[in-house]
């Protein structure tokens, strides 16, 4: 059975969320007061509804209690986002993600019933800063505020050595997740296999420990 989500508000953030969910194969109900916004996305989602998400009767008619999650994407209007969050909660929404403008807005939305509040601009800035601090890795996935998963090219000084010799856990307190060689990913790499130029390694650990790896040449 396909997962179903409602996206209330079709500004840039809401539209991106709706389209991403639709592309992932989810059923998506997109709601906005603007007829143009609704028409623009109608062919991309399961349902596109024009309506005021601060209207109790409209929100009750959406069946949000049957959804796997609800996104409240109207942060520019504090009163509207608070009302929409409250109505979604009262309608039985099992999980609500709301967009906030700042920390005060976030606190209010959480008190109104939002399970998670995202502040896109703030989170983008934090992510960019962390990427800079952690070095220019190939890829970085944040597992929590202080733990990440990174992919990095095998440093020149590691070529010809194996995992036993490098002792990455002992030397840097990081864990080897996998080693990639072209299109092949080995999630159970041999501890005695010699590393080769062109390979990359995927590691997990605390950010402060991973940061040290970016300085290895």
Protein backbone atom coordinates (compact mmCIF):
# COMPACT_ATOMS: atom_id res chain seq x y z
CA UNK A 1 0.00 0.00 0.00
CA UNK A 2 1.34 3.42 -0.98
CA UNK A 3 2.13 5.89 1.75
CA UNK A 4 -0.06 8.99 1.72
CA UNK A 5 0.86 12.55 2.67
CA UNK A 6 -0.82 15.94 2.71
CA UNK A 7 1.05 19.14 1.96
CA UNK A 8 -0.72 22.30 3.11
CA UNK A 9 0.75 25.33 1.39
CA UNK A 10 2.39 25.34 -2.03
CA UNK A 11 5.09 27.96 -1.81
CA UNK A 12 8.59 26.96 -2.89
CA UNK A 13 9.13 24.75 0.16
CA UNK A 14 5.72 23.08 0.02
CA UNK A 15 5.90 22.47 -3.71
CA UNK A 16 9.35 20.90 -3.37
CA UNK A 17 8.10 18.59 -0.61
CA UNK A 18 5.01 17.58 -2.62
CA UNK A 19 6.95 16.86 -5.81
CA UNK A 20 9.67 14.94 -3.96
CA UNK A 21 7.08 12.73 -2.26
CA UNK A 22 5.27 12.16 -5.56
CA UNK A 23 8.50 11.20 -7.31
CA UNK A 24 9.14 8.69 -4.51
CA UNK A 25 5.87 6.96 -5.39
CA UNK A 26 3.75 8.31 -2.53
CA UNK A 27 0.17 9.46 -2.77
CA UNK A 28 0.16 13.21 -2.25
CA UNK A 29 -2.65 15.64 -1.51
CA UNK A 30 -1.54 19.22 -2.15
CA UNK A 31 -3.62 22.12 -0.81
CA UNK A 32 -3.31 25.85 -1.34
CA UNK A 33 -5.54 28.92 -1.53
CA UNK A 34 -3.98 29.99 -4.82
CA UNK A 35 -5.71 28.59 -7.87
CA UNK A 36 -2.53 29.09 -9.92
CA UNK A 37 -0.39 27.10 -7.48
CA UNK A 38 -2.94 24.28 -7.37
CA UNK A 39 -3.27 24.15 -11.16
CA UNK A 40 0.49 24.18 -11.57
CA UNK A 41 0.98 21.03 -9.51
CA UNK A 42 -2.28 19.18 -10.24
CA UNK A 43 -0.82 16.85 -12.86
CA UNK A 44 2.12 15.89 -10.61
CA UNK A 45 0.28 14.81 -7.44
CA UNK A 46 -2.58 12.47 -6.56
CA UNK A 47 -4.97 15.21 -5.44
CA UNK A 48 -4.74 18.98 -5.75
CA UNK A 49 -7.22 20.97 -3.68
CA UNK A 50 -7.87 24.70 -3.69
CA UNK A 51 -8.87 25.90 -0.26
CA UNK A 52 -8.08 27.81 2.91
CA UNK A 53 -6.15 25.55 5.29
CA UNK A 54 -7.23 27.72 8.23
CA UNK A 55 -10.88 26.84 7.55
CA UNK A 56 -11.93 24.14 10.06
CA UNK A 57 -14.56 22.65 7.75
CA UNK A 58 -12.12 22.34 4.86
CA UNK A 59 -9.40 20.78 7.00
CA UNK A 60 -11.85 18.28 8.51
CA UNK A 61 -12.92 17.28 5.00
CA UNK A 62 -9.36 16.41 3.95
CA UNK A 63 -9.19 13.20 5.98
CA UNK A 64 -5.81 14.03 7.47
CA UNK A 65 -6.26 11.28 10.06
CA UNK A 66 -5.85 8.74 7.27
CA UNK A 67 -2.51 10.17 6.11
CA UNK A 68 0.93 8.90 7.07
CA UNK A 69 2.04 12.47 7.59
CA UNK A 70 1.06 16.11 7.09
CA UNK A 71 3.35 18.97 6.07
CA UNK A 72 2.38 22.51 7.10
CA UNK A 73 4.31 24.70 4.65
CA UNK A 74 2.96 28.22 5.23
CA UNK A 75 5.53 29.71 7.60
CA UNK A 76 5.37 33.25 6.19
CA UNK A 77 2.01 33.71 7.91
CA UNK A 78 2.45 32.83 11.59
CA UNK A 79 -1.26 32.92 12.41
CA UNK A 80 -2.13 30.71 9.43
CA UNK A 81 0.57 28.14 10.12
CA UNK A 82 -0.41 27.93 13.80
CA UNK A 83 -4.08 27.50 12.93
CA UNK A 84 -3.36 24.90 10.23
CA UNK A 85 -1.16 22.93 12.64
CA UNK A 86 -3.82 23.01 15.36
CA UNK A 87 -6.56 21.94 12.93
CA UNK A 88 -4.42 19.14 11.51
CA UNK A 89 -3.79 17.86 15.03
CA UNK A 90 -7.48 18.02 15.89
CA UNK A 91 -8.25 16.14 12.66
CA UNK A 92 -6.21 13.19 13.87
CA UNK A 93 -3.02 13.68 11.85
CA UNK A 94 -0.56 11.05 13.10
CA UNK A 95 2.61 13.00 12.32
CA UNK A 96 2.94 16.70 11.53
CA UNK A 97 5.98 18.42 10.07
CA UNK A 98 5.71 22.20 10.00
CA UNK A 99 7.90 24.84 8.42
CA UNK A 100 9.01 27.57 10.81
CA UNK A 101 10.58 30.96 10.25
CA UNK A 102 12.60 31.19 13.46
CA UNK A 103 13.07 29.64 16.90
CA UNK A 104 10.10 31.48 18.42
CA UNK A 105 7.86 30.28 15.60
CA UNK A 106 9.23 26.76 16.10
CA UNK A 107 8.38 26.80 19.81
CA UNK A 108 4.83 27.95 19.12
CA UNK A 109 4.24 25.31 16.43
CA UNK A 110 5.53 22.57 18.70
CA UNK A 111 3.11 23.68 21.42
CA UNK A 112 0.29 23.55 18.87
CA UNK A 113 1.03 19.92 18.10
CA UNK A 114 3.76 19.80 15.43
CA UNK A 115 5.92 16.69 15.86
CA UNK A 116 8.82 18.27 13.99
CA UNK A 117 9.52 21.85 12.92
CA UNK A 118 12.05 22.63 10.21
CA UNK A 119 13.60 26.04 9.58
CA UNK A 120 14.94 25.55 6.02
CA UNK A 121 17.18 28.61 5.81
CA UNK A 122 18.73 27.88 9.21
CA UNK A 123 19.24 24.19 8.47
CA UNK A 124 20.82 24.94 5.10
CA UNK A 125 23.26 27.31 6.77
CA UNK A 126 24.12 24.80 9.50
CA UNK A 127 24.60 22.05 6.92
CA UNK A 128 26.85 24.24 4.78
CA UNK A 129 28.95 25.20 7.79
CA UNK A 130 29.30 21.60 8.94
CA UNK A 131 30.36 20.53 5.46
CA UNK A 132 33.05 23.21 5.52
CA UNK A 133 34.22 22.25 9.00
CA UNK A 134 34.30 18.54 8.16
CA UNK A 135 36.34 19.11 5.04
CA UNK A 136 35.62 18.59 1.37
CA UNK A 137 34.46 15.00 1.44
CA UNK A 138 32.76 13.35 -1.54
CA UNK A 139 29.55 13.03 0.43
CA UNK A 140 28.32 13.66 3.95
CA UNK A 141 25.16 12.43 5.68
CA UNK A 142 24.30 13.76 9.12
CA UNK A 143 23.05 10.99 11.40
CA UNK A 144 22.62 13.34 14.36
CA UNK A 145 23.92 16.74 15.46
CA UNK A 146 27.37 15.36 16.21
CA UNK A 147 27.59 12.08 14.25
CA UNK A 148 27.93 11.75 10.48
CA UNK A 149 28.54 9.28 7.68
CA UNK A 150 31.13 10.43 5.12
CA UNK A 151 32.64 9.21 1.89
CA UNK A 152 36.19 10.26 1.05
CA UNK A 153 38.78 9.36 -1.56
CA UNK A 154 41.54 7.08 -0.33
CA UNK A 155 44.41 9.45 0.65
CA UNK A 156 47.72 8.92 -1.12
CA UNK A 157 49.35 7.96 2.19
CA UNK A 158 46.88 5.06 2.60
CA UNK A 159 47.48 3.46 -0.80
CA UNK A 160 49.09 0.05 -0.45
CA UNK A 161 48.10 -0.28 3.20
CA UNK A 162 45.28 -2.35 4.69
CA UNK A 163 42.74 -1.70 7.42
CA UNK A 164 44.73 -3.60 10.03
CA UNK A 165 47.76 -1.40 9.43
CA UNK A 166 45.75 1.81 9.36
CA UNK A 167 43.79 0.94 12.54
CA UNK A 168 41.28 3.72 11.85
CA UNK A 169 39.19 2.94 14.91
CA UNK A 170 42.19 3.08 17.20
CA UNK A 171 43.86 6.06 15.52
CA UNK A 172 40.82 8.24 14.74
CA UNK A 173 37.84 6.65 16.60
CA UNK A 174 35.94 6.14 13.32
CA UNK A 175 34.31 3.02 11.89
CA UNK A 176 34.70 1.64 8.38
CA UNK A 177 31.29 1.13 6.75
CA UNK A 178 32.34 0.18 3.22
CA UNK A 179 34.97 0.58 0.51
CA UNK A 180 33.97 1.59 -3.01
CA UNK A 181 35.89 0.66 -6.14
CA UNK A 182 34.20 2.14 -9.19
CA UNK A 183 30.62 0.83 -9.24
CA UNK A 184 31.37 -1.89 -6.68
CA UNK A 185 30.68 -1.30 -2.99
CA UNK A 186 32.14 -3.77 -0.50
CA UNK A 187 30.30 -3.54 2.83
CA UNK A 188 32.46 -6.28 4.36
CA UNK A 189 35.94 -5.25 3.22
CA UNK A 190 38.79 -7.62 4.01
CA UNK A 191 40.97 -6.18 6.79
CA UNK A 192 44.08 -7.38 4.92
CA UNK A 193 43.20 -6.14 1.42
CA UNK A 194 45.53 -3.43 0.14
CA UNK A 195 43.94 -0.11 -0.72
CA UNK A 196 44.27 1.13 -4.27
CA UNK A 197 44.30 4.48 -5.98
CA UNK A 198 40.85 5.49 -7.19
CA UNK A 199 38.99 3.81 -4.37
CA UNK A 200 36.90 5.65 -1.79
CA UNK A 201 36.02 4.72 1.76
CA UNK A 202 32.81 5.28 3.72
CA UNK A 203 33.24 5.98 7.42
CA UNK A 204 31.04 6.86 10.38
CA UNK A 205 31.93 8.67 13.55
CA UNK A 206 31.70 11.82 15.59
CA UNK A 207 32.16 15.00 13.57
CA UNK A 208 35.18 16.10 15.59
CA UNK A 209 36.93 12.81 14.75
CA UNK A 210 35.91 12.80 11.09
CA UNK A 211 37.23 16.34 10.73
CA UNK A 212 40.76 15.07 11.40
CA UNK A 213 40.56 12.81 8.33
CA UNK A 214 40.14 15.79 5.98
CA UNK A 215 43.72 16.82 6.77
CA UNK A 216 45.26 13.49 5.71
CA UNK A 217 47.05 13.57 2.37
